[in-house]
């Protein structure tokens, strides 16, 4: 009934050349926070790898250059979607 309210296809249209850049302003003196990744089951690892590959191919994500890696790391894990067998990637 409400399908028109929720966007399910986030693909970038060929005529949309807009690039969205995430900028996070940090307080002066802020130090990078690194959290050790959780060990994921093989099924979850495969899901994350495919998710990242697909989003890079669609232009939604890109790999960081070496000079952009500054020691920050957030924990990523996978949870089942409610009422479904599908998975969802979560980053904390």
N, C-alpha and C. Protein backbone atom coordinates (compact mmCIF):
# COMPACT_ATOMS: atom_id res chain seq x y z
N UNK A 1 0.82 -1.19 0.00
CA UNK A 1 0.00 0.00 0.00
C UNK A 1 0.87 1.26 0.00
N UNK A 2 1.99 1.27 0.73
CA UNK A 2 2.81 2.47 0.85
C UNK A 2 4.15 2.36 0.11
N UNK A 3 4.22 1.49 -0.88
CA UNK A 3 5.48 1.27 -1.58
C UNK A 3 6.05 2.54 -2.19
N UNK A 4 5.22 3.46 -2.62
CA UNK A 4 5.69 4.70 -3.25
C UNK A 4 6.43 5.59 -2.25
N UNK A 5 6.21 5.36 -0.96
CA UNK A 5 6.84 6.19 0.08
C UNK A 5 8.29 5.78 0.36
N UNK A 6 8.66 4.58 -0.02
CA UNK A 6 9.97 4.06 0.33
C UNK A 6 10.78 3.76 -0.91
N UNK A 7 11.93 4.38 -1.02
CA UNK A 7 12.81 4.16 -2.16
C UNK A 7 13.54 2.84 -1.94
N UNK A 8 13.44 1.94 -2.90
CA UNK A 8 14.13 0.65 -2.77
C UNK A 8 15.28 0.51 -3.75
N UNK A 9 15.31 1.33 -4.81
CA UNK A 9 16.40 1.27 -5.78
C UNK A 9 17.25 2.52 -5.63
N UNK A 10 18.43 2.35 -5.06
CA UNK A 10 19.30 3.48 -4.81
C UNK A 10 20.35 3.66 -5.90
N UNK A 11 20.15 3.00 -7.03
CA UNK A 11 21.11 3.13 -8.13
C UNK A 11 21.15 4.57 -8.62
N UNK A 12 22.31 5.02 -8.98
CA UNK A 12 22.48 6.36 -9.52
C UNK A 12 22.09 6.33 -11.00
N UNK A 13 21.18 7.21 -11.38
CA UNK A 13 20.75 7.22 -12.78
C UNK A 13 21.90 7.74 -13.65
N UNK A 14 21.96 7.32 -14.92
CA UNK A 14 23.05 7.73 -15.81
C UNK A 14 23.17 9.24 -15.97
N UNK A 15 22.03 9.97 -15.86
CA UNK A 15 22.08 11.42 -16.05
C UNK A 15 22.39 12.17 -14.75
N UNK A 16 22.49 11.46 -13.64
CA UNK A 16 22.80 12.10 -12.35
C UNK A 16 24.30 12.05 -12.13
N UNK A 17 24.96 13.18 -12.29
CA UNK A 17 26.41 13.25 -12.14
C UNK A 17 26.80 13.79 -10.76
N UNK A 18 25.84 13.91 -9.86
CA UNK A 18 26.09 14.44 -8.53
C UNK A 18 26.95 13.47 -7.73
N UNK A 19 27.98 13.99 -7.10
CA UNK A 19 28.81 13.18 -6.21
C UNK A 19 28.60 13.70 -4.80
N UNK A 20 28.22 12.82 -3.92
CA UNK A 20 27.98 13.19 -2.54
C UNK A 20 29.23 12.84 -1.74
N UNK A 21 29.76 13.83 -1.04
CA UNK A 21 30.97 13.63 -0.26
C UNK A 21 30.61 13.77 1.21
N UNK A 22 30.99 12.79 1.98
CA UNK A 22 30.76 12.83 3.42
C UNK A 22 31.93 13.54 4.08
N UNK A 23 31.62 14.60 4.79
CA UNK A 23 32.65 15.33 5.53
C UNK A 23 32.27 15.32 6.99
N UNK A 24 33.19 14.92 7.81
CA UNK A 24 32.96 14.91 9.25
C UNK A 24 33.92 15.90 9.88
N UNK A 25 33.37 16.88 10.57
CA UNK A 25 34.20 17.88 11.24
C UNK A 25 34.51 17.38 12.64
N UNK A 26 35.78 17.31 12.95
CA UNK A 26 36.21 16.83 14.26
C UNK A 26 36.71 17.99 15.11
N UNK A 27 36.58 17.82 16.40
CA UNK A 27 37.12 18.82 17.31
C UNK A 27 38.64 18.80 17.21
N UNK A 28 39.29 19.95 17.35
CA UNK A 28 40.76 19.99 17.32
C UNK A 28 41.35 19.04 18.36
N UNK A 29 42.40 18.34 17.97
CA UNK A 29 43.07 17.41 18.88
C UNK A 29 42.44 16.03 18.96
N UNK A 30 41.38 15.80 18.18
CA UNK A 30 40.73 14.49 18.19
C UNK A 30 41.68 13.43 17.64
N UNK A 31 41.75 12.31 18.31
CA UNK A 31 42.61 11.22 17.88
C UNK A 31 41.77 10.14 17.19
N UNK A 32 42.34 9.46 16.19
CA UNK A 32 41.59 8.39 15.53
C UNK A 32 41.18 7.30 16.52
N UNK A 33 39.99 6.76 16.29
CA UNK A 33 39.48 5.65 17.09
C UNK A 33 39.51 4.41 16.21
N UNK A 34 40.13 3.38 16.70
CA UNK A 34 40.22 2.12 15.95
C UNK A 34 39.58 1.04 16.79
N UNK A 35 38.62 0.35 16.22
CA UNK A 35 37.98 -0.78 16.88
C UNK A 35 38.31 -2.04 16.10
N UNK A 36 38.78 -3.05 16.80
CA UNK A 36 39.12 -4.31 16.16
C UNK A 36 37.86 -4.94 15.57
N UNK A 37 37.93 -5.40 14.32
CA UNK A 37 36.75 -6.01 13.69
C UNK A 37 36.33 -7.30 14.39
N UNK A 38 35.02 -7.56 14.37
CA UNK A 38 34.50 -8.83 14.85
C UNK A 38 34.84 -9.91 13.83
N UNK A 39 35.05 -11.11 14.30
CA UNK A 39 35.21 -12.23 13.38
C UNK A 39 33.82 -12.60 12.88
N UNK A 40 33.66 -12.67 11.56
CA UNK A 40 32.36 -12.95 10.96
C UNK A 40 32.30 -14.38 10.45
N UNK A 41 31.13 -15.01 10.54
CA UNK A 41 30.96 -16.32 9.91
C UNK A 41 31.16 -16.18 8.40
N UNK A 42 31.50 -17.27 7.74
CA UNK A 42 31.80 -17.24 6.31
C UNK A 42 30.64 -16.64 5.51
N UNK A 43 29.41 -17.01 5.83
CA UNK A 43 28.24 -16.48 5.10
C UNK A 43 28.18 -14.96 5.22
N UNK A 44 28.46 -14.43 6.39
CA UNK A 44 28.42 -12.99 6.61
C UNK A 44 29.58 -12.29 5.89
N UNK A 45 30.76 -12.92 5.90
CA UNK A 45 31.91 -12.36 5.19
C UNK A 45 31.61 -12.26 3.70
N UNK A 46 31.03 -13.30 3.14
CA UNK A 46 30.68 -13.29 1.72
C UNK A 46 29.64 -12.20 1.44
N UNK A 47 28.68 -12.02 2.34
CA UNK A 47 27.66 -10.99 2.17
C UNK A 47 28.30 -9.60 2.15
N UNK A 48 29.21 -9.33 3.10
CA UNK A 48 29.88 -8.02 3.18
C UNK A 48 30.72 -7.78 1.93
N UNK A 49 31.48 -8.78 1.49
CA UNK A 49 32.30 -8.64 0.29
C UNK A 49 31.45 -8.32 -0.94
N UNK A 50 30.33 -9.02 -1.10
CA UNK A 50 29.44 -8.78 -2.23
C UNK A 50 28.78 -7.40 -2.12
N UNK A 51 28.39 -7.01 -0.92
CA UNK A 51 27.79 -5.70 -0.69
C UNK A 51 28.75 -4.58 -1.10
N UNK A 52 30.00 -4.69 -0.67
CA UNK A 52 31.01 -3.68 -1.00
C UNK A 52 31.29 -3.68 -2.50
N UNK A 53 31.48 -4.86 -3.10
CA UNK A 53 31.73 -4.95 -4.55
C UNK A 53 30.60 -4.29 -5.35
N UNK A 54 29.35 -4.62 -4.98
CA UNK A 54 28.19 -4.09 -5.69
C UNK A 54 28.12 -2.56 -5.57
N UNK A 55 28.37 -2.03 -4.38
CA UNK A 55 28.27 -0.59 -4.17
C UNK A 55 29.42 0.17 -4.82
N UNK A 56 30.59 -0.44 -4.91
CA UNK A 56 31.69 0.17 -5.65
C UNK A 56 31.34 0.23 -7.14
N UNK A 57 30.80 -0.87 -7.66
CA UNK A 57 30.42 -0.92 -9.08
C UNK A 57 29.34 0.11 -9.41
N UNK A 58 28.44 0.38 -8.47
CA UNK A 58 27.37 1.36 -8.69
C UNK A 58 27.82 2.79 -8.42
N UNK A 59 29.05 2.96 -7.94
CA UNK A 59 29.56 4.29 -7.66
C UNK A 59 29.14 4.86 -6.32
N UNK A 60 28.56 4.03 -5.46
CA UNK A 60 28.13 4.49 -4.14
C UNK A 60 29.26 4.49 -3.12
N UNK A 61 30.28 3.70 -3.37
CA UNK A 61 31.43 3.57 -2.48
C UNK A 61 32.69 3.61 -3.33
N UNK A 62 33.79 3.88 -2.67
CA UNK A 62 35.09 3.75 -3.34
C UNK A 62 36.10 3.30 -2.31
N UNK A 63 37.17 2.71 -2.79
CA UNK A 63 38.25 2.29 -1.90
C UNK A 63 39.07 3.52 -1.53
N UNK A 64 39.59 3.52 -0.32
CA UNK A 64 40.44 4.63 0.12
C UNK A 64 41.84 4.50 -0.44
N UNK A 65 42.42 5.65 -0.79
CA UNK A 65 43.83 5.66 -1.17
C UNK A 65 44.65 5.53 0.11
N UNK A 66 45.90 5.12 -0.03
CA UNK A 66 46.77 4.94 1.14
C UNK A 66 46.89 6.23 1.96
N UNK A 67 46.94 7.38 1.27
CA UNK A 67 47.10 8.64 2.00
C UNK A 67 45.81 9.08 2.71
N UNK A 68 44.70 8.38 2.45
CA UNK A 68 43.44 8.71 3.12
C UNK A 68 43.20 7.85 4.36
N UNK A 69 43.97 6.81 4.51
CA UNK A 69 43.81 5.92 5.66
C UNK A 69 44.50 6.55 6.86
N UNK A 70 43.71 6.93 7.84
CA UNK A 70 44.27 7.67 8.96
C UNK A 70 44.15 6.96 10.30
N UNK A 71 43.85 5.68 10.31
CA UNK A 71 43.78 4.95 11.57
C UNK A 71 42.39 4.79 12.15
N UNK A 72 41.38 5.33 11.47
CA UNK A 72 40.01 5.17 11.94
C UNK A 72 39.48 3.81 11.50
N UNK A 73 38.68 3.18 12.35
CA UNK A 73 38.04 1.93 11.98
C UNK A 73 36.79 1.75 12.82
N UNK A 74 35.69 1.40 12.18
CA UNK A 74 34.44 1.14 12.89
C UNK A 74 34.11 -0.34 12.74
N UNK A 75 33.46 -0.87 13.74
CA UNK A 75 33.08 -2.28 13.73
C UNK A 75 31.92 -2.48 12.77
N UNK A 76 32.04 -3.49 11.91
CA UNK A 76 30.98 -3.85 10.98
C UNK A 76 30.53 -5.26 11.30
N UNK A 77 29.23 -5.46 11.33
CA UNK A 77 28.71 -6.80 11.54
C UNK A 77 27.44 -6.96 10.73
N UNK A 78 26.90 -8.17 10.69
CA UNK A 78 25.75 -8.48 9.86
C UNK A 78 24.64 -9.01 10.75
N UNK A 79 23.43 -8.54 10.50
CA UNK A 79 22.26 -8.99 11.26
C UNK A 79 21.18 -9.42 10.29
N UNK A 80 20.32 -10.35 10.70
CA UNK A 80 19.20 -10.73 9.83
C UNK A 80 18.14 -9.63 9.83
N UNK A 81 17.53 -9.43 8.67
CA UNK A 81 16.41 -8.48 8.60
C UNK A 81 15.20 -9.12 9.29
N UNK A 82 14.40 -8.29 9.95
CA UNK A 82 13.22 -8.84 10.62
C UNK A 82 12.25 -9.48 9.61
N UNK A 83 11.67 -10.57 9.99
CA UNK A 83 10.65 -11.26 9.19
C UNK A 83 11.16 -11.65 7.81
N UNK A 84 12.45 -11.99 7.72
CA UNK A 84 13.05 -12.31 6.42
C UNK A 84 14.29 -13.17 6.64
N UNK A 85 14.76 -13.79 5.58
CA UNK A 85 16.02 -14.52 5.64
C UNK A 85 17.17 -13.66 5.09
N UNK A 86 16.85 -12.43 4.65
CA UNK A 86 17.85 -11.52 4.11
C UNK A 86 18.73 -10.96 5.23
N UNK A 87 19.90 -10.48 4.84
CA UNK A 87 20.85 -9.92 5.80
C UNK A 87 20.99 -8.42 5.61
N UNK A 88 21.47 -7.76 6.66
CA UNK A 88 21.71 -6.32 6.63
C UNK A 88 23.09 -6.06 7.25
N UNK A 89 23.89 -5.22 6.60
CA UNK A 89 25.19 -4.86 7.14
C UNK A 89 25.02 -3.65 8.04
N UNK A 90 25.65 -3.70 9.22
CA UNK A 90 25.55 -2.62 10.20
C UNK A 90 26.96 -2.20 10.59
N UNK A 91 27.19 -0.89 10.65
CA UNK A 91 28.48 -0.37 11.09
C UNK A 91 28.25 0.49 12.31
N UNK A 92 29.00 0.20 13.36
CA UNK A 92 28.84 0.94 14.62
C UNK A 92 30.00 1.89 14.82
